[in-house]
Amino acid sequence: MRYDDAFANGKYIEGAEAYPPHWADKAAQFREALGARARLSLPYGKGPRNWFDLFLPEGEPEGLLIFIHGGYWRAFGPRDFSHLAAGAALRGWACAMPAYTLAPGARISAITAEIAASLPVIAAEVAGPIVLTGHSAGGHLAARMVCRDIALPGEIAARIARSVPISPLTDLRPLIETAMNDDFRLDRAEAVAESPALLTYRSGVSIHVWVGGAERPAFLDQARRLGNAWACPVTVDAGRHHFDVIEGLEGSDTALMSALLG
């Protein structure tokens, strides 16, 4: 269909097929190394994928980073990306990673509602400020959580200090014209309602969009659309593509971690 190639990532990344097993291996090693500080499969709802993993630092957490995984809302899960909590833990922050029902089992609007429902439950586990982030489809969800139409308890909304969507999908209308829409079932009304770049965000939240400089033009465009719509910074991470742009989450002193936690 018209936009299939525009949103194809792996096709344009050398060795793309090696990334998912590499992520899964690193994630498993991280969970094992963390031991009891990895609290797994905590429920936030009744659905089979309504759970989250929570990774704790040594000592009392300074705050809570919530990372939402990508995969075009159709693939992967938190356990593929556990190692991305490493940087936050080294900085003394807890990191939670929620799962959600994958398309076509849920429409994107229903996935948004699941993540919104997870936030109060996750927030009850750790005190302090909350920073939201996510990659690709997860970047979309991290941005959606600070949109004005998302109803969160006042005390939870007040704790959300920052959202840093990484390579986010921010205008979903082009996805209607992709083969993936067989799973999404997006129509124009839902695409508009679920597009952060077409919505407004809650005041008092700091927004910083992050995207790889070597990403597909469509993803650079999607990042800049949100930056323009929300008048927020957009960092183009030179040389990074869609699969390695998240690696900055693994270190405590990377530029991406600084954008997240200061």
C-alpha atoms as a PDB file:
ATOM      1  CA  MET A   1       0.000   0.000   0.000  1.00  0.00           C
ATOM      2  CA  ARG A   2       0.965   3.651  -0.324  1.00  0.00           C
ATOM      3  CA  TYR A   3       2.960   4.014   2.922  1.00  0.00           C
ATOM      4  CA  ASP A   4       4.221   0.469   3.506  1.00  0.00           C
ATOM      5  CA  ASP A   5       7.802   1.241   2.532  1.00  0.00           C
ATOM      6  CA  ALA A   6       7.863   4.560   4.375  1.00  0.00           C
ATOM      7  CA  PHE A   7       7.291   2.820   7.704  1.00  0.00           C
ATOM      8  CA  ALA A   8       9.473  -0.244   7.033  1.00  0.00           C
ATOM      9  CA  ASN A   9      12.402  -0.111   9.437  1.00  0.00           C
ATOM     10  CA  GLY A  10      14.191  -3.476   9.393  1.00  0.00           C
ATOM     11  CA  LYS A  11      14.442  -3.450   5.607  1.00  0.00           C
ATOM     12  CA  TYR A  12      16.827  -0.494   5.837  1.00  0.00           C
ATOM     13  CA  ILE A  13      18.902  -1.543   8.875  1.00  0.00           C
ATOM     14  CA  GLU A  14      21.932  -3.768   8.331  1.00  0.00           C
ATOM     15  CA  GLY A  15      21.672  -6.904  10.465  1.00  0.00           C
ATOM     16  CA  ALA A  16      18.166  -6.018  11.573  1.00  0.00           C
ATOM     17  CA  GLU A  17      17.215  -9.640  12.181  1.00  0.00           C
ATOM     18  CA  ALA A  18      19.849  -9.940  14.923  1.00  0.00           C
ATOM     19  CA  TYR A  19      18.431  -7.186  17.096  1.00  0.00           C
ATOM     20  CA  PRO A  20      15.368  -8.899  18.651  1.00  0.00           C
ATOM     21  CA  PRO A  21      17.261 -11.997  19.919  1.00  0.00           C
ATOM     22  CA  HIS A  22      20.066  -9.725  21.121  1.00  0.00           C
ATOM     23  CA  TRP A  23      17.563  -7.611  23.060  1.00  0.00           C
ATOM     24  CA  ALA A  24      15.933 -10.690  24.583  1.00  0.00           C
ATOM     25  CA  ASP A  25      19.301 -12.111  25.693  1.00  0.00           C
ATOM     26  CA  LYS A  26      20.421  -8.856  27.291  1.00  0.00           C
ATOM     27  CA  ALA A  27      17.021  -8.452  28.950  1.00  0.00           C
ATOM     28  CA  ALA A  28      17.180 -11.930  30.507  1.00  0.00           C
ATOM     29  CA  GLN A  29      20.715 -11.347  31.756  1.00  0.00           C
ATOM     30  CA  PHE A  30      19.684  -8.043  33.321  1.00  0.00           C
ATOM     31  CA  ARG A  31      16.724  -9.590  35.149  1.00  0.00           C
ATOM     32  CA  GLU A  32      18.889 -12.399  36.479  1.00  0.00           C
ATOM     33  CA  ALA A  33      21.601 -10.003  37.637  1.00  0.00           C
ATOM     34  CA  LEU A  34      19.078  -7.757  39.406  1.00  0.00           C
ATOM     35  CA  GLY A  35      17.681 -10.658  41.416  1.00  0.00           C
ATOM     36  CA  ALA A  36      15.079  -9.632  43.985  1.00  0.00           C
ATOM     37  CA  ARG A  37      15.170  -6.055  42.729  1.00  0.00           C
ATOM     38  CA  ALA A  38      13.335  -7.304  39.631  1.00  0.00           C
ATOM     39  CA  ARG A  39       9.656  -7.597  40.569  1.00  0.00           C
ATOM     40  CA  LEU A  40       7.911  -9.372  37.730  1.00  0.00           C
ATOM     41  CA  SER A  41       4.357  -9.803  36.448  1.00  0.00           C
ATOM     42  CA  LEU A  42       2.639  -7.333  38.751  1.00  0.00           C
ATOM     43  CA  PRO A  43      -1.021  -7.021  37.656  1.00  0.00           C
ATOM     44  CA  TYR A  44      -2.741  -3.763  36.789  1.00  0.00           C
ATOM     45  CA  GLY A  45      -5.916  -5.195  35.266  1.00  0.00           C
ATOM     46  CA  LYS A  46      -7.768  -8.381  34.420  1.00  0.00           C
ATOM     47  CA  GLY A  47      -6.476  -8.994  30.889  1.00  0.00           C
ATOM     48  CA  PRO A  48      -3.754 -11.580  30.212  1.00  0.00           C
ATOM     49  CA  ARG A  49      -1.338  -8.796  29.199  1.00  0.00           C
ATOM     50  CA  ASN A  50      -2.388  -6.358  31.930  1.00  0.00           C
ATOM     51  CA  TRP A  51       0.830  -6.634  33.936  1.00  0.00           C
ATOM     52  CA  PHE A  52       4.089  -4.795  34.431  1.00  0.00           C
ATOM     53  CA  ASP A  53       7.640  -5.498  35.546  1.00  0.00           C
ATOM     54  CA  LEU A  54       9.287  -3.191  38.070  1.00  0.00           C
ATOM     55  CA  PHE A  55      13.050  -2.833  38.398  1.00  0.00           C
ATOM     56  CA  LEU A  56      14.376  -1.222  41.563  1.00  0.00           C
ATOM     57  CA  PRO A  57      17.672   0.546  42.247  1.00  0.00           C
ATOM     58  CA  GLU A  58      19.790  -0.012  45.284  1.00  0.00           C
ATOM     59  CA  GLY A  59      18.281   2.039  48.094  1.00  0.00           C
ATOM     60  CA  GLU A  60      15.166   4.184  48.049  1.00  0.00           C
ATOM     61  CA  PRO A  61      14.164   5.214  44.515  1.00  0.00           C
ATOM     62  CA  GLU A  62      14.450   8.878  43.639  1.00  0.00           C
ATOM     63  CA  GLY A  63      11.545   8.561  41.237  1.00  0.00           C
ATOM     64  CA  LEU A  64       9.867   6.356  38.667  1.00  0.00           C
ATOM     65  CA  LEU A  65      10.681   5.991  34.980  1.00  0.00           C
ATOM     66  CA  ILE A  66       8.006   4.208  32.944  1.00  0.00           C
ATOM     67  CA  PHE A  67       9.157   2.711  29.639  1.00  0.00           C
ATOM     68  CA  ILE A  68       6.549   1.527  27.107  1.00  0.00           C
ATOM     69  CA  HIS A  69       7.763  -0.910  24.466  1.00  0.00           C
ATOM     70  CA  GLY A  70       7.268  -0.588  20.732  1.00  0.00           C
ATOM     71  CA  GLY A  71       6.610  -3.030  17.924  1.00  0.00           C
ATOM     72  CA  TYR A  72       3.868  -1.207  15.996  1.00  0.00           C
ATOM     73  CA  TRP A  73       1.423  -2.145  18.787  1.00  0.00           C
ATOM     74  CA  ARG A  74       1.583  -5.689  17.314  1.00  0.00           C
ATOM     75  CA  ALA A  75       4.775  -7.275  18.628  1.00  0.00           C
ATOM     76  CA  PHE A  76       7.212  -7.655  21.516  1.00  0.00           C
ATOM     77  CA  GLY A  77       6.647  -7.187  25.228  1.00  0.00           C
ATOM     78  CA  PRO A  78       8.375  -5.733  28.270  1.00  0.00           C
ATOM     79  CA  ARG A  79      10.597  -8.809  28.716  1.00  0.00           C
ATOM     80  CA  ASP A  80      12.310  -8.029  25.409  1.00  0.00           C
ATOM     81  CA  PHE A  81      13.583  -4.724  26.812  1.00  0.00           C
ATOM     82  CA  SER A  82      14.257  -5.225  30.541  1.00  0.00           C
ATOM     83  CA  HIS A  83      17.900  -4.194  30.072  1.00  0.00           C
ATOM     84  CA  LEU A  84      16.789  -0.695  29.116  1.00  0.00           C
ATOM     85  CA  ALA A  85      16.050  -0.140  32.824  1.00  0.00           C
ATOM     86  CA  ALA A  86      19.785  -0.287  33.581  1.00  0.00           C
ATOM     87  CA  GLY A  87      20.491   3.404  33.173  1.00  0.00           C
ATOM     88  CA  ALA A  88      17.624   4.448  35.410  1.00  0.00           C
ATOM     89  CA  ALA A  89      18.652   1.959  38.115  1.00  0.00           C
ATOM     90  CA  LEU A  90      22.218   3.274  38.052  1.00  0.00           C
ATOM     91  CA  ARG A  91      20.800   6.769  38.522  1.00  0.00           C
ATOM     92  CA  GLY A  92      18.813   5.625  41.573  1.00  0.00           C
ATOM     93  CA  TRP A  93      15.442   5.515  39.800  1.00  0.00           C
ATOM     94  CA  ALA A  94      12.954   2.682  39.591  1.00  0.00           C
ATOM     95  CA  CYS A  95      11.824   1.649  36.119  1.00  0.00           C
ATOM     96  CA  ALA A  96       8.483   0.046  35.277  1.00  0.00           C
ATOM     97  CA  MET A  97       7.622  -1.603  31.965  1.00  0.00           C
ATOM     98  CA  PRO A  98       3.939  -2.301  31.300  1.00  0.00           C
ATOM     99  CA  ALA A  99       2.612  -4.889  28.875  1.00  0.00           C
ATOM    100  CA  TYR A 100      -0.514  -4.306  26.811  1.00  0.00           C
ATOM    101  CA  THR A 101      -2.826  -6.263  24.539  1.00  0.00           C
ATOM    102  CA  LEU A 102      -1.307  -6.469  21.080  1.00  0.00           C
ATOM    103  CA  ALA A 103      -3.163  -5.698  17.863  1.00  0.00           C
ATOM    104  CA  PRO A 104      -5.248  -7.165  16.358  1.00  0.00           C
ATOM    105  CA  GLY A 105      -6.433  -8.277  19.798  1.00  0.00           C
ATOM    106  CA  ALA A 106      -7.058  -4.626  20.659  1.00  0.00           C
ATOM    107  CA  ARG A 107      -7.466  -1.432  18.687  1.00  0.00           C
ATOM    108  CA  ILE A 108      -4.954   1.346  19.324  1.00  0.00           C
ATOM    109  CA  SER A 109      -7.510   3.340  21.306  1.00  0.00           C
ATOM    110  CA  ALA A 110      -8.025   0.346  23.604  1.00  0.00           C
ATOM    111  CA  ILE A 111      -4.253  -0.039  24.040  1.00  0.00           C
ATOM    112  CA  THR A 112      -4.074   3.639  25.014  1.00  0.00           C
ATOM    113  CA  ALA A 113      -6.784   3.012  27.613  1.00  0.00           C
ATOM    114  CA  GLU A 114      -4.864   0.029  29.017  1.00  0.00           C
ATOM    115  CA  ILE A 115      -1.691   2.051  29.511  1.00  0.00           C
ATOM    116  CA  ALA A 116      -3.685   4.848  31.140  1.00  0.00           C
ATOM    117  CA  ALA A 117      -5.215   2.283  33.510  1.00  0.00           C
ATOM    118  CA  SER A 118      -1.753   0.968  34.376  1.00  0.00           C
ATOM    119  CA  LEU A 119      -0.352   4.296  35.531  1.00  0.00           C
ATOM    120  CA  PRO A 120      -2.112   4.631  38.909  1.00  0.00           C
ATOM    121  CA  VAL A 121      -1.258   1.026  39.788  1.00  0.00           C
ATOM    122  CA  ILE A 122       2.385   1.430  38.804  1.00  0.00           C
ATOM    123  CA  ALA A 123       2.638   4.792  40.554  1.00  0.00           C
ATOM    124  CA  ALA A 124       1.412   3.259  43.810  1.00  0.00           C
ATOM    125  CA  GLU A 125       4.593   1.157  43.931  1.00  0.00           C
ATOM    126  CA  VAL A 126       7.111   4.028  43.928  1.00  0.00           C
ATOM    127  CA  ALA A 127       6.950   7.534  45.365  1.00  0.00           C
ATOM    128  CA  GLY A 128       8.327  10.662  43.749  1.00  0.00           C
ATOM    129  CA  PRO A 129       8.277  12.179  40.269  1.00  0.00           C
ATOM    130  CA  ILE A 130       7.244  10.154  37.240  1.00  0.00           C
ATOM    131  CA  VAL A 131       8.954  10.340  33.848  1.00  0.00           C
ATOM    132  CA  LEU A 132       7.339   8.655  30.843  1.00  0.00           C
ATOM    133  CA  THR A 133       9.172   7.301  27.840  1.00  0.00           C
ATOM    134  CA  GLY A 134       8.633   4.720  25.148  1.00  0.00           C
ATOM    135  CA  HIS A 135       9.952   3.686  21.767  1.00  0.00           C
ATOM    136  CA  SER A 136       8.127   3.838  18.424  1.00  0.00           C
ATOM    137  CA  ALA A 137       4.554   2.704  19.192  1.00  0.00           C
ATOM    138  CA  GLY A 138       5.580   3.013  22.829  1.00  0.00           C
ATOM    139  CA  GLY A 139       6.667   6.582  22.087  1.00  0.00           C
ATOM    140  CA  HIS A 140       3.163   7.206  20.801  1.00  0.00           C
ATOM    141  CA  LEU A 141       1.752   5.864  24.071  1.00  0.00           C
ATOM    142  CA  ALA A 142       4.186   7.919  26.178  1.00  0.00           C
ATOM    143  CA  ALA A 143       2.959  11.022  24.368  1.00  0.00           C
ATOM    144  CA  ARG A 144      -0.698  10.012  24.645  1.00  0.00           C
ATOM    145  CA  MET A 145      -0.430   9.736  28.417  1.00  0.00           C
ATOM    146  CA  VAL A 146       0.160  13.484  28.701  1.00  0.00           C
ATOM    147  CA  CYS A 147      -2.612  14.515  26.305  1.00  0.00           C
ATOM    148  CA  ARG A 148      -5.461  16.459  27.856  1.00  0.00           C
ATOM    149  CA  ASP A 149      -8.093  13.896  26.887  1.00  0.00           C
ATOM    150  CA  ILE A 150      -6.470  11.175  29.040  1.00  0.00           C
ATOM    151  CA  ALA A 151      -8.261  11.099  32.383  1.00  0.00           C
ATOM    152  CA  LEU A 152      -5.781  10.358  35.159  1.00  0.00           C
ATOM    153  CA  PRO A 153      -6.293  10.786  38.903  1.00  0.00           C
ATOM    154  CA  GLY A 154      -5.180  14.275  39.844  1.00  0.00           C
ATOM    155  CA  GLU A 155      -2.429  13.096  42.153  1.00  0.00           C
ATOM    156  CA  ILE A 156      -0.952  10.907  39.399  1.00  0.00           C
ATOM    157  CA  ALA A 157      -1.115  13.608  36.742  1.00  0.00           C
ATOM    158  CA  ALA A 158       0.591  16.019  39.146  1.00  0.00           C
ATOM    159  CA  ARG A 159       3.524  13.636  39.573  1.00  0.00           C
ATOM    160  CA  ILE A 160       4.244  13.342  35.841  1.00  0.00           C
ATOM    161  CA  ALA A 161       7.186  15.664  35.353  1.00  0.00           C
ATOM    162  CA  ARG A 162       8.295  14.778  31.843  1.00  0.00           C
ATOM    163  CA  SER A 163       7.563  12.725  28.745  1.00  0.00           C
ATOM    164  CA  VAL A 164      10.335  11.786  26.324  1.00  0.00           C
ATOM    165  CA  PRO A 165       8.865   9.916  23.338  1.00  0.00           C
ATOM    166  CA  ILE A 166      11.619   8.102  21.403  1.00  0.00           C
ATOM    167  CA  SER A 167      11.077   7.757  17.635  1.00  0.00           C
ATOM    168  CA  PRO A 168       7.350   8.153  18.240  1.00  0.00           C
ATOM    169  CA  LEU A 169       4.443   7.690  15.879  1.00  0.00           C
ATOM    170  CA  THR A 170       2.577  10.948  16.344  1.00  0.00           C
ATOM    171  CA  ASP A 171       0.235  11.294  13.345  1.00  0.00           C
ATOM    172  CA  LEU A 172      -1.454   7.972  12.664  1.00  0.00           C
ATOM    173  CA  ARG A 173      -3.359   8.973   9.548  1.00  0.00           C
ATOM    174  CA  PRO A 174      -0.719   7.623   7.097  1.00  0.00           C
ATOM    175  CA  LEU A 175      -0.917   4.213   8.792  1.00  0.00           C
ATOM    176  CA  ILE A 176      -4.415   3.786   7.387  1.00  0.00           C
ATOM    177  CA  GLU A 177      -2.714   3.285   4.030  1.00  0.00           C
ATOM    178  CA  THR A 178      -0.401   0.455   5.143  1.00  0.00           C
ATOM    179  CA  ALA A 179      -0.918  -3.292   5.150  1.00  0.00           C
ATOM    180  CA  MET A 180      -0.496  -3.146   8.936  1.00  0.00           C
ATOM    181  CA  ASN A 181      -3.926  -1.561   9.127  1.00  0.00           C
ATOM    182  CA  ASP A 182      -5.401  -5.022   8.676  1.00  0.00           C
ATOM    183  CA  ASP A 183      -4.380  -5.408  12.329  1.00  0.00           C
ATOM    184  CA  PHE A 184      -4.926  -1.822  13.490  1.00  0.00           C
ATOM    185  CA  ARG A 185      -8.360  -1.384  11.869  1.00  0.00           C
ATOM    186  CA  LEU A 186      -7.819   2.359  12.002  1.00  0.00           C
ATOM    187  CA  ASP A 187     -10.393   4.618  10.430  1.00  0.00           C
ATOM    188  CA  ARG A 188      -9.867   8.353  10.053  1.00  0.00           C
ATOM    189  CA  ALA A 189     -11.757   9.240  13.233  1.00  0.00           C
ATOM    190  CA  GLU A 190      -9.659   6.930  15.420  1.00  0.00           C
ATOM    191  CA  ALA A 191      -6.437   7.940  13.665  1.00  0.00           C
ATOM    192  CA  VAL A 192      -7.125  11.604  14.437  1.00  0.00           C
ATOM    193  CA  ALA A 193      -8.222  10.904  18.017  1.00  0.00           C
ATOM    194  CA  GLU A 194      -5.065   8.851  18.672  1.00  0.00           C
ATOM    195  CA  SER A 195      -2.546  11.228  17.062  1.00  0.00           C
ATOM    196  CA  PRO A 196      -0.628  13.240  19.680  1.00  0.00           C
ATOM    197  CA  ALA A 197       0.493  15.728  17.023  1.00  0.00           C
ATOM    198  CA  LEU A 198      -3.159  16.622  16.487  1.00  0.00           C
ATOM    199  CA  LEU A 199      -3.938  16.937  20.193  1.00  0.00           C
ATOM    200  CA  THR A 200      -2.899  19.182  23.066  1.00  0.00           C
ATOM    201  CA  TYR A 201      -0.904  18.171  26.113  1.00  0.00           C
ATOM    202  CA  ARG A 202      -1.389  18.976  29.772  1.00  0.00           C
ATOM    203  CA  SER A 203       0.331  22.088  31.040  1.00  0.00           C
ATOM    204  CA  GLY A 204       3.126  21.645  33.533  1.00  0.00           C
ATOM    205  CA  VAL A 205       4.679  18.627  31.790  1.00  0.00           C
ATOM    206  CA  SER A 206       8.077  18.938  30.108  1.00  0.00           C
ATOM    207  CA  ILE A 207       8.220  17.306  26.657  1.00  0.00           C
ATOM    208  CA  HIS A 208      11.364  16.317  24.764  1.00  0.00           C
ATOM    209  CA  VAL A 209      11.171  14.267  21.565  1.00  0.00           C
ATOM    210  CA  TRP A 210      14.095  12.004  20.649  1.00  0.00           C
ATOM    211  CA  VAL A 211      14.748  10.399  17.251  1.00  0.00           C
ATOM    212  CA  GLY A 212      17.679   8.792  15.454  1.00  0.00           C
ATOM    213  CA  GLY A 213      19.361  10.772  12.727  1.00  0.00           C
ATOM    214  CA  ALA A 214      19.644   7.684  10.500  1.00  0.00           C
ATOM    215  CA  GLU A 215      15.992   6.742  10.803  1.00  0.00           C
ATOM    216  CA  ARG A 216      13.532   6.516   7.944  1.00  0.00           C
ATOM    217  CA  PRO A 217      12.369   9.946   6.742  1.00  0.00           C
ATOM    218  CA  ALA A 218       8.857   9.113   7.909  1.00  0.00           C
ATOM    219  CA  PHE A 219      10.036   8.744  11.503  1.00  0.00           C
ATOM    220  CA  LEU A 220      12.027  11.975  11.382  1.00  0.00           C
ATOM    221  CA  ASP A 221       8.875  13.632  10.076  1.00  0.00           C
ATOM    222  CA  GLN A 222       6.733  12.078  12.796  1.00  0.00           C
ATOM    223  CA  ALA A 223       9.121  13.342  15.501  1.00  0.00           C
ATOM    224  CA  ARG A 224       9.244  16.844  14.066  1.00  0.00           C
ATOM    225  CA  ARG A 225       5.465  16.978  13.727  1.00  0.00           C
ATOM    226  CA  LEU A 226       5.126  16.497  17.465  1.00  0.00           C
ATOM    227  CA  GLY A 227       7.908  18.973  18.168  1.00  0.00           C
ATOM    228  CA  ASN A 228       6.174  21.579  16.030  1.00  0.00           C
ATOM    229  CA  ALA A 229       2.715  20.884  17.404  1.00  0.00           C
ATOM    230  CA  TRP A 230       3.801  20.966  21.038  1.00  0.00           C
ATOM    231  CA  ALA A 231       6.592  23.551  20.645  1.00  0.00           C
ATOM    232  CA  CYS A 232       9.043  21.249  22.397  1.00  0.00           C
ATOM    233  CA  PRO A 233      12.668  20.252  21.761  1.00  0.00           C
ATOM    234  CA  VAL A 234      13.430  17.543  19.218  1.00  0.00           C
ATOM    235  CA  THR A 235      16.841  15.911  19.511  1.00  0.00           C
ATOM    236  CA  VAL A 236      18.079  14.154  16.366  1.00  0.00           C
ATOM    237  CA  ASP A 237      20.588  11.592  17.651  1.00  0.00           C
ATOM    238  CA  ALA A 238      23.219  11.552  14.914  1.00  0.00           C
ATOM    239  CA  GLY A 239      23.964   8.187  13.342  1.00  0.00           C
ATOM    240  CA  ARG A 240      21.328   6.292  15.294  1.00  0.00           C
ATOM    241  CA  HIS A 241      18.723   4.198  13.478  1.00  0.00           C
ATOM    242  CA  HIS A 242      15.374   2.928  14.683  1.00  0.00           C
ATOM    243  CA  PHE A 243      16.768  -0.153  16.415  1.00  0.00           C
ATOM    244  CA  ASP A 244      19.801   1.293  18.195  1.00  0.00           C
ATOM    245  CA  VAL A 245      18.401   4.693  19.191  1.00  0.00           C
ATOM    246  CA  ILE A 246      17.166   3.147  22.466  1.00  0.00           C
ATOM    247  CA  GLU A 247      20.639   2.049  23.581  1.00  0.00           C
ATOM    248  CA  GLY A 248      21.112   5.306  25.465  1.00  0.00           C
ATOM    249  CA  LEU A 249      18.697   3.974  28.085  1.00  0.00           C
ATOM    250  CA  GLU A 250      21.285   1.415  29.180  1.00  0.00           C
ATOM    251  CA  GLY A 251      23.768   3.946  30.556  1.00  0.00           C
ATOM    252  CA  SER A 252      23.551   6.383  33.430  1.00  0.00           C
ATOM    253  CA  ASP A 253      25.424   9.269  31.799  1.00  0.00           C
ATOM    254  CA  THR A 254      24.192   9.240  28.207  1.00  0.00           C
ATOM    255  CA  ALA A 255      22.596  12.215  26.487  1.00  0.00           C
ATOM    256  CA  LEU A 256      19.273  10.368  26.322  1.00  0.00           C
ATOM    257  CA  MET A 257      19.348   9.615  30.049  1.00  0.00           C
ATOM    258  CA  SER A 258      20.108  13.272  30.725  1.00  0.00           C
ATOM    259  CA  ALA A 259      17.073  14.273  28.671  1.00  0.00           C
ATOM    260  CA  LEU A 260      14.983  11.876  30.741  1.00  0.00           C
ATOM    261  CA  LEU A 261      16.227  12.436  34.261  1.00  0.00           C
ATOM    262  CA  GLY A 262      18.285  15.612  34.053  1.00  0.00           C
END
